[in-house]
PDB file of all heavy atoms in Angstrom:
ATOM      1  N   SER A   1       0.823  -1.213   0.000  1.00  0.00           N
ATOM      2  CA  SER A   1       0.000   0.000   0.000  1.00  0.00           C
ATOM      3  C   SER A   1       0.855   1.259   0.000  1.00  0.00           C
ATOM      4  O   SER A   1       0.574   2.217  -0.735  1.00  0.00           O
ATOM      5  CB  SER A   1      -0.933   0.000   1.218  1.00  0.00           C
ATOM      6  OG  SER A   1      -1.828  -1.079   1.169  1.00  0.00           O
ATOM      7  N   VAL A   2       1.897   1.265   0.821  1.00  0.00           N
ATOM      8  CA  VAL A   2       2.782   2.429   0.868  1.00  0.00           C
ATOM      9  C   VAL A   2       3.481   2.616  -0.485  1.00  0.00           C
ATOM     10  O   VAL A   2       3.628   3.748  -0.969  1.00  0.00           O
ATOM     11  CB  VAL A   2       3.808   2.282   2.010  1.00  0.00           C
ATOM     12  CG1 VAL A   2       4.872   3.371   1.927  1.00  0.00           C
ATOM     13  CG2 VAL A   2       3.098   2.353   3.358  1.00  0.00           C
ATOM     14  N   ALA A   3       3.892   1.514  -1.105  1.00  0.00           N
ATOM     15  CA  ALA A   3       4.562   1.608  -2.401  1.00  0.00           C
ATOM     16  C   ALA A   3       3.629   2.187  -3.466  1.00  0.00           C
ATOM     17  O   ALA A   3       4.033   3.049  -4.269  1.00  0.00           O
ATOM     18  CB  ALA A   3       5.059   0.232  -2.828  1.00  0.00           C
ATOM     19  N   VAL A   4       2.368   1.737  -3.484  1.00  0.00           N
ATOM     20  CA  VAL A   4       1.407   2.237  -4.473  1.00  0.00           C
ATOM     21  C   VAL A   4       1.114   3.714  -4.223  1.00  0.00           C
ATOM     22  O   VAL A   4       1.047   4.518  -5.165  1.00  0.00           O
ATOM     23  CB  VAL A   4       0.107   1.396  -4.421  1.00  0.00           C
ATOM     24  CG1 VAL A   4      -1.002   2.069  -5.222  1.00  0.00           C
ATOM     25  CG2 VAL A   4       0.366   0.003  -4.965  1.00  0.00           C
ATOM     26  N   LEU A   5       0.955   4.108  -2.973  1.00  0.00           N
ATOM     27  CA  LEU A   5       0.713   5.517  -2.661  1.00  0.00           C
ATOM     28  C   LEU A   5       1.940   6.373  -2.959  1.00  0.00           C
ATOM     29  O   LEU A   5       1.817   7.511  -3.422  1.00  0.00           O
ATOM     30  CB  LEU A   5       0.304   5.668  -1.200  1.00  0.00           C
ATOM     31  CG  LEU A   5      -1.171   5.378  -0.920  1.00  0.00           C
ATOM     32  CD1 LEU A   5      -1.385   4.994   0.538  1.00  0.00           C
ATOM     33  CD2 LEU A   5      -2.030   6.581  -1.273  1.00  0.00           C
ATOM     34  N   ALA A   6       3.124   5.839  -2.695  1.00  0.00           N
ATOM     35  CA  ALA A   6       4.342   6.588  -2.993  1.00  0.00           C
ATOM     36  C   ALA A   6       4.489   6.821  -4.499  1.00  0.00           C
ATOM     37  O   ALA A   6       5.026   7.844  -4.927  1.00  0.00           O
ATOM     38  CB  ALA A   6       5.562   5.839  -2.457  1.00  0.00           C
ATOM     39  N   ARG A   7       3.962   5.885  -5.292  1.00  0.00           N
ATOM     40  CA  ARG A   7       4.066   6.011  -6.761  1.00  0.00           C
ATOM     41  C   ARG A   7       2.915   6.786  -7.369  1.00  0.00           C
ATOM     42  O   ARG A   7       3.115   7.568  -8.308  1.00  0.00           O
ATOM     43  CB  ARG A   7       4.118   4.610  -7.387  1.00  0.00           C
ATOM     44  CG  ARG A   7       4.184   4.595  -8.915  1.00  0.00           C
ATOM     45  CD  ARG A   7       5.487   5.204  -9.405  1.00  0.00           C
ATOM     46  NE  ARG A   7       5.539   5.254 -10.857  1.00  0.00           N
ATOM     47  CZ  ARG A   7       5.045   6.245 -11.593  1.00  0.00           C
ATOM     48  NH1 ARG A   7       4.437   7.284 -11.010  1.00  0.00           N
ATOM     49  NH2 ARG A   7       5.142   6.228 -12.905  1.00  0.00           N
ATOM     50  N   HIS A   8       1.688   6.604  -6.856  1.00  0.00           N
ATOM     51  CA  HIS A   8       0.513   7.167  -7.522  1.00  0.00           C
ATOM     52  C   HIS A   8      -0.282   8.170  -6.686  1.00  0.00           C
ATOM     53  O   HIS A   8      -1.256   8.737  -7.184  1.00  0.00           O
ATOM     54  CB  HIS A   8      -0.431   6.036  -7.955  1.00  0.00           C
ATOM     55  CG  HIS A   8       0.193   5.059  -8.897  1.00  0.00           C
ATOM     56  ND1 HIS A   8       0.539   5.389 -10.187  1.00  0.00           N
ATOM     57  CD2 HIS A   8       0.554   3.756  -8.720  1.00  0.00           C
ATOM     58  CE1 HIS A   8       1.068   4.337 -10.783  1.00  0.00           C
ATOM     59  NE2 HIS A   8       1.089   3.336  -9.920  1.00  0.00           N
ATOM     60  N   GLY A   9       0.095   8.391  -5.431  1.00  0.00           N
ATOM     61  CA  GLY A   9      -0.619   9.354  -4.599  1.00  0.00           C
ATOM     62  C   GLY A   9      -0.352  10.786  -5.036  1.00  0.00           C
ATOM     63  O   GLY A   9       0.525  11.058  -5.867  1.00  0.00           O
ATOM     64  N   ALA A  10      -1.100  11.721  -4.447  1.00  0.00           N
ATOM     65  CA  ALA A  10      -0.957  13.130  -4.829  1.00  0.00           C
ATOM     66  C   ALA A  10       0.419  13.687  -4.489  1.00  0.00           C
ATOM     67  O   ALA A  10       0.880  14.639  -5.109  1.00  0.00           O
ATOM     68  CB  ALA A  10      -2.035  13.962  -4.116  1.00  0.00           C
ATOM     69  N   ARG A  11       1.088  13.063  -3.513  1.00  0.00           N
ATOM     70  CA  ARG A  11       2.442  13.514  -3.155  1.00  0.00           C
ATOM     71  C   ARG A  11       3.482  12.499  -3.588  1.00  0.00           C
ATOM     72  O   ARG A  11       4.514  12.303  -2.955  1.00  0.00           O
ATOM     73  CB  ARG A  11       2.524  13.747  -1.639  1.00  0.00           C
ATOM     74  CG  ARG A  11       1.658  14.912  -1.183  1.00  0.00           C
ATOM     75  CD  ARG A  11       1.862  15.215   0.281  1.00  0.00           C
ATOM     76  NE  ARG A  11       1.182  14.283   1.159  1.00  0.00           N
ATOM     77  CZ  ARG A  11      -0.093  14.381   1.494  1.00  0.00           C
ATOM     78  NH1 ARG A  11      -0.842  15.356   1.017  1.00  0.00           N
ATOM     79  NH2 ARG A  11      -0.647  13.511   2.319  1.00  0.00           N
ATOM     80  N   SER A  12       3.223  11.827  -4.710  1.00  0.00           N
ATOM     81  CA  SER A  12       4.089  10.751  -5.173  1.00  0.00           C
ATOM     82  C   SER A  12       5.350  11.287  -5.831  1.00  0.00           C
ATOM     83  O   SER A  12       5.441  12.450  -6.219  1.00  0.00           O
ATOM     84  CB  SER A  12       3.338   9.864  -6.173  1.00  0.00           C
ATOM     85  OG  SER A  12       3.020  10.591  -7.337  1.00  0.00           O
ATOM     86  N   SER A  13       6.300  10.409  -5.970  1.00  0.00           N
ATOM     87  CA  SER A  13       7.540  10.709  -6.687  1.00  0.00           C
ATOM     88  C   SER A  13       7.888   9.518  -7.564  1.00  0.00           C
ATOM     89  O   SER A  13       7.865   8.376  -7.106  1.00  0.00           O
ATOM     90  CB  SER A  13       8.689  10.979  -5.710  1.00  0.00           C
ATOM     91  OG  SER A  13       9.917  11.064  -6.395  1.00  0.00           O
ATOM     92  N   ALA A  14       8.174   9.783  -8.822  1.00  0.00           N
ATOM     93  CA  ALA A  14       8.494   8.696  -9.752  1.00  0.00           C
ATOM     94  C   ALA A  14       9.920   8.193  -9.559  1.00  0.00           C
ATOM     95  O   ALA A  14      10.272   7.120 -10.033  1.00  0.00           O
ATOM     96  CB  ALA A  14       8.301   9.165 -11.195  1.00  0.00           C
ATOM     97  N   ALA A  15      10.769   8.962  -8.876  1.00  0.00           N
ATOM     98  CA  ALA A  15      12.159   8.569  -8.704  1.00  0.00           C
ATOM     99  C   ALA A  15      12.256   7.398  -7.716  1.00  0.00           C
ATOM    100  O   ALA A  15      11.828   7.532  -6.567  1.00  0.00           O
ATOM    101  CB  ALA A  15      12.976   9.749  -8.196  1.00  0.00           C
ATOM    102  N   PRO A  16      12.824   6.249  -8.127  1.00  0.00           N
ATOM    103  CA  PRO A  16      12.902   5.082  -7.229  1.00  0.00           C
ATOM    104  C   PRO A  16      13.551   5.368  -5.885  1.00  0.00           C
ATOM    105  O   PRO A  16      13.039   4.901  -4.851  1.00  0.00           O
ATOM    106  CB  PRO A  16      13.720   4.075  -8.056  1.00  0.00           C
ATOM    107  CG  PRO A  16      13.429   4.437  -9.470  1.00  0.00           C
ATOM    108  CD  PRO A  16      13.306   5.945  -9.476  1.00  0.00           C
ATOM    109  N   PRO A  17      14.668   6.146  -5.808  1.00  0.00           N
ATOM    110  CA  PRO A  17      15.255   6.402  -4.485  1.00  0.00           C
ATOM    111  C   PRO A  17      14.293   7.121  -3.539  1.00  0.00           C
ATOM    112  O   PRO A  17      14.229   6.798  -2.350  1.00  0.00           O
ATOM    113  CB  PRO A  17      16.475   7.272  -4.814  1.00  0.00           C
ATOM    114  CG  PRO A  17      16.825   6.938  -6.221  1.00  0.00           C
ATOM    115  CD  PRO A  17      15.507   6.697  -6.888  1.00  0.00           C
ATOM    116  N   ARG A  18      13.524   8.079  -4.077  1.00  0.00           N
ATOM    117  CA  ARG A  18      12.587   8.810  -3.225  1.00  0.00           C
ATOM    118  C   ARG A  18      11.419   7.918  -2.817  1.00  0.00           C
ATOM    119  O   ARG A  18      10.917   8.016  -1.696  1.00  0.00           O
ATOM    120  CB  ARG A  18      12.085  10.054  -3.951  1.00  0.00           C
ATOM    121  CG  ARG A  18      13.164  11.111  -4.169  1.00  0.00           C
ATOM    122  CD  ARG A  18      12.586  12.411  -4.683  1.00  0.00           C
ATOM    123  NE  ARG A  18      11.688  13.004  -3.703  1.00  0.00           N
ATOM    124  CZ  ARG A  18      10.971  14.107  -3.928  1.00  0.00           C
ATOM    125  NH1 ARG A  18      11.054  14.728  -5.105  1.00  0.00           N
ATOM    126  NH2 ARG A  18      10.174  14.599  -3.002  1.00  0.00           N
ATOM    127  N   MET A  19      10.968   7.041  -3.734  1.00  0.00           N
ATOM    128  CA  MET A  19       9.918   6.092  -3.385  1.00  0.00           C
ATOM    129  C   MET A  19      10.375   5.168  -2.257  1.00  0.00           C
ATOM    130  O   MET A  19       9.642   4.917  -1.301  1.00  0.00           O
ATOM    131  CB  MET A  19       9.514   5.262  -4.605  1.00  0.00           C
ATOM    132  CG  MET A  19       8.636   5.984  -5.613  1.00  0.00           C
ATOM    133  SD  MET A  19       8.219   4.891  -6.990  1.00  0.00           S
ATOM    134  CE  MET A  19       7.417   3.541  -6.134  1.00  0.00           C
ATOM    135  N   LEU A  20      11.599   4.647  -2.374  1.00  0.00           N
ATOM    136  CA  LEU A  20      12.131   3.753  -1.349  1.00  0.00           C
ATOM    137  C   LEU A  20      12.266   4.485  -0.017  1.00  0.00           C
ATOM    138  O   LEU A  20      12.018   3.901   1.050  1.00  0.00           O
ATOM    139  CB  LEU A  20      13.483   3.199  -1.793  1.00  0.00           C
ATOM    140  CG  LEU A  20      13.443   2.213  -2.967  1.00  0.00           C
ATOM    141  CD1 LEU A  20      14.862   1.839  -3.399  1.00  0.00           C
ATOM    142  CD2 LEU A  20      12.659   0.955  -2.592  1.00  0.00           C
ATOM    143  N   ALA A  21      12.648   5.758  -0.082  1.00  0.00           N
ATOM    144  CA  ALA A  21      12.776   6.546   1.143  1.00  0.00           C
ATOM    145  C   ALA A  21      11.417   6.720   1.812  1.00  0.00           C
ATOM    146  O   ALA A  21      11.297   6.635   3.051  1.00  0.00           O
ATOM    147  CB  ALA A  21      13.399   7.905   0.834  1.00  0.00           C
ATOM    148  N   GLN A  22      10.363   6.967   1.008  1.00  0.00           N
ATOM    149  CA  GLN A  22       9.024   7.098   1.564  1.00  0.00           C
ATOM    150  C   GLN A  22       8.575   5.801   2.233  1.00  0.00           C
ATOM    151  O   GLN A  22       7.966   5.817   3.303  1.00  0.00           O
ATOM    152  CB  GLN A  22       8.025   7.473   0.461  1.00  0.00           C
ATOM    153  CG  GLN A  22       8.054   8.942   0.050  1.00  0.00           C
ATOM    154  CD  GLN A  22       6.978   9.250  -0.963  1.00  0.00           C
ATOM    155  OE1 GLN A  22       7.106   8.957  -2.149  1.00  0.00           O
ATOM    156  NE2 GLN A  22       5.899   9.839  -0.494  1.00  0.00           N
ATOM    157  N   ILE A  23       8.876   4.672   1.593  1.00  0.00           N
ATOM    158  CA  ILE A  23       8.505   3.379   2.154  1.00  0.00           C
ATOM    159  C   ILE A  23       9.253   3.131   3.459  1.00  0.00           C
ATOM    160  O   ILE A  23       8.674   2.705   4.461  1.00  0.00           O
ATOM    161  CB  ILE A  23       8.789   2.250   1.145  1.00  0.00           C
ATOM    162  CG1 ILE A  23       7.861   2.383  -0.074  1.00  0.00           C
ATOM    163  CG2 ILE A  23       8.603   0.876   1.795  1.00  0.00           C
ATOM    164  CD1 ILE A  23       8.202   1.447  -1.214  1.00  0.00           C
ATOM    165  N   ALA A  24      10.564   3.431   3.461  1.00  0.00           N
ATOM    166  CA  ALA A  24      11.387   3.177   4.647  1.00  0.00           C
ATOM    167  C   ALA A  24      10.964   4.041   5.830  1.00  0.00           C
ATOM    168  O   ALA A  24      11.069   3.615   6.989  1.00  0.00           O
ATOM    169  CB  ALA A  24      12.855   3.424   4.317  1.00  0.00           C
ATOM    170  N   ARG A  25      10.478   5.255   5.561  1.00  0.00           N
ATOM    171  CA  ARG A  25      10.073   6.157   6.640  1.00  0.00           C
ATOM    172  C   ARG A  25       8.680   5.877   7.170  1.00  0.00           C
ATOM    173  O   ARG A  25       8.295   6.394   8.217  1.00  0.00           O
ATOM    174  CB  ARG A  25      10.119   7.618   6.161  1.00  0.00           C
ATOM    175  CG  ARG A  25      11.509   8.173   5.921  1.00  0.00           C
ATOM    176  CD  ARG A  25      11.468   9.697   5.841  1.00  0.00           C
ATOM    177  NE  ARG A  25      10.530  10.166   4.829  1.00  0.00           N
ATOM    178  CZ  ARG A  25      10.860  10.448   3.578  1.00  0.00           C
ATOM    179  NH1 ARG A  25      12.116  10.301   3.176  1.00  0.00           N
ATOM    180  NH2 ARG A  25       9.949  10.884   2.722  1.00  0.00           N
ATOM    181  N   ASN A  26       7.906   5.070   6.464  1.00  0.00           N
ATOM    182  CA  ASN A  26       6.516   4.864   6.857  1.00  0.00           C
ATOM    183  C   ASN A  26       6.412   4.126   8.194  1.00  0.00           C
ATOM    184  O   ASN A  26       7.028   3.075   8.377  1.00  0.00           O
ATOM    185  CB  ASN A  26       5.781   4.072   5.770  1.00  0.00           C
ATOM    186  CG  ASN A  26       4.297   3.995   6.036  1.00  0.00           C
ATOM    187  OD1 ASN A  26       3.846   3.087   6.718  1.00  0.00           O
ATOM    188  ND2 ASN A  26       3.549   4.947   5.524  1.00  0.00           N
ATOM    189  N   PRO A  27       5.642   4.643   9.137  1.00  0.00           N
ATOM    190  CA  PRO A  27       5.563   4.005  10.463  1.00  0.00           C
ATOM    191  C   PRO A  27       4.945   2.610  10.432  1.00  0.00           C
ATOM    192  O   PRO A  27       5.269   1.771  11.279  1.00  0.00           O
ATOM    193  CB  PRO A  27       4.697   4.976  11.277  1.00  0.00           C
ATOM    194  CG  PRO A  27       3.955   5.794  10.261  1.00  0.00           C
ATOM    195  CD  PRO A  27       4.864   5.899   9.083  1.00  0.00           C
ATOM    196  N   TYR A  28       4.050   2.333   9.470  1.00  0.00           N
ATOM    197  CA  TYR A  28       3.470   1.000   9.385  1.00  0.00           C
ATOM    198  C   TYR A  28       4.534  -0.029   9.012  1.00  0.00           C
ATOM    199  O   TYR A  28       4.509  -1.171   9.479  1.00  0.00           O
ATOM    200  CB  TYR A  28       2.350   0.970   8.339  1.00  0.00           C
ATOM    201  CG  TYR A  28       1.104   1.736   8.701  1.00  0.00           C
ATOM    202  CD1 TYR A  28       1.025   2.496   9.855  1.00  0.00           C
ATOM    203  CD2 TYR A  28      -0.010   1.706   7.872  1.00  0.00           C
ATOM    204  CE1 TYR A  28      -0.115   3.211  10.175  1.00  0.00           C
ATOM    205  CE2 TYR A  28      -1.159   2.414   8.185  1.00  0.00           C
ATOM    206  CZ  TYR A  28      -1.206   3.161   9.334  1.00  0.00           C
ATOM    207  OH  TYR A  28      -2.338   3.863   9.646  1.00  0.00           O
ATOM    208  N   VAL A  29       5.456   0.353   8.153  1.00  0.00           N
ATOM    209  CA  VAL A  29       6.481  -0.578   7.685  1.00  0.00           C
ATOM    210  C   VAL A  29       7.474  -0.891   8.803  1.00  0.00           C
ATOM    211  O   VAL A  29       7.787  -2.053   9.076  1.00  0.00           O
ATOM    212  CB  VAL A  29       7.206  -0.012   6.446  1.00  0.00           C
ATOM    213  CG1 VAL A  29       8.377  -0.908   6.054  1.00  0.00           C
ATOM    214  CG2 VAL A  29       6.230   0.111   5.273  1.00  0.00           C
ATOM    215  N   TRP A  30       7.989   0.156   9.478  1.00  0.00           N
ATOM    216  CA  TRP A  30       8.978  -0.144  10.508  1.00  0.00           C
ATOM    217  C   TRP A  30       8.360  -0.801  11.735  1.00  0.00           C
ATOM    218  O   TRP A  30       9.023  -1.552  12.453  1.00  0.00           O
ATOM    219  CB  TRP A  30       9.820   1.076  10.879  1.00  0.00           C
ATOM    220  CG  TRP A  30       9.149   2.334  11.336  1.00  0.00           C
ATOM    221  CD1 TRP A  30       9.044   3.489  10.640  1.00  0.00           C
ATOM    222  CD2 TRP A  30       8.524   2.584  12.602  1.00  0.00           C
ATOM    223  NE1 TRP A  30       8.381   4.446  11.387  1.00  0.00           N
ATOM    224  CE2 TRP A  30       8.061   3.922  12.593  1.00  0.00           C
ATOM    225  CE3 TRP A  30       8.324   1.813  13.746  1.00  0.00           C
ATOM    226  CZ2 TRP A  30       7.394   4.502  13.674  1.00  0.00           C
ATOM    227  CZ3 TRP A  30       7.651   2.386  14.828  1.00  0.00           C
ATOM    228  CH2 TRP A  30       7.206   3.707  14.782  1.00  0.00           C
ATOM    229  N   SER A  31       7.071  -0.552  11.989  1.00  0.00           N
ATOM    230  CA  SER A  31       6.434  -1.246  13.114  1.00  0.00           C
ATOM    231  C   SER A  31       6.275  -2.736  12.805  1.00  0.00           C
ATOM    232  O   SER A  31       6.380  -3.578  13.709  1.00  0.00           O
ATOM    233  CB  SER A  31       5.080  -0.618  13.456  1.00  0.00           C
ATOM    234  OG  SER A  31       4.213  -0.620  12.346  1.00  0.00           O
ATOM    235  N   CYS A  32       6.027  -3.085  11.520  1.00  0.00           N
ATOM    236  CA  CYS A  32       6.003  -4.498  11.109  1.00  0.00           C
ATOM    237  C   CYS A  32       7.367  -5.136  11.365  1.00  0.00           C
ATOM    238  O   CYS A  32       7.457  -6.272  11.856  1.00  0.00           O
ATOM    239  CB  CYS A  32       5.645  -4.624   9.631  1.00  0.00           C
ATOM    240  SG  CYS A  32       3.924  -4.252   9.218  1.00  0.00           S
ATOM    241  N   ALA A  33       8.432  -4.417  11.014  1.00  0.00           N
ATOM    242  CA  ALA A  33       9.780  -4.943  11.195  1.00  0.00           C
ATOM    243  C   ALA A  33      10.090  -5.165  12.677  1.00  0.00           C
ATOM    244  O   ALA A  33      10.673  -6.189  13.055  1.00  0.00           O
ATOM    245  CB  ALA A  33      10.793  -3.983  10.574  1.00  0.00           C
ATOM    246  N   ILE A  34       9.687  -4.221  13.526  1.00  0.00           N
ATOM    247  CA  ILE A  34       9.936  -4.363  14.965  1.00  0.00           C
ATOM    248  C   ILE A  34       9.173  -5.562  15.525  1.00  0.00           C
ATOM    249  O   ILE A  34       9.717  -6.378  16.285  1.00  0.00           O
ATOM    250  CB  ILE A  34       9.536  -3.075  15.711  1.00  0.00           C
ATOM    251  CG1 ILE A  34      10.473  -1.928  15.328  1.00  0.00           C
ATOM    252  CG2 ILE A  34       9.561  -3.293  17.221  1.00  0.00           C
ATOM    253  CD1 ILE A  34      10.044  -0.583  15.879  1.00  0.00           C
TER     254      ILE A  34
END
């Protein structure tokens, strides 16, 4: 979900590094990892 929003949301970025950064910063993702 974060990846799709990072790519197609209103505040999306097509650049892969910025997309990955958005995914890495997302609290849902790091809470899953913890």
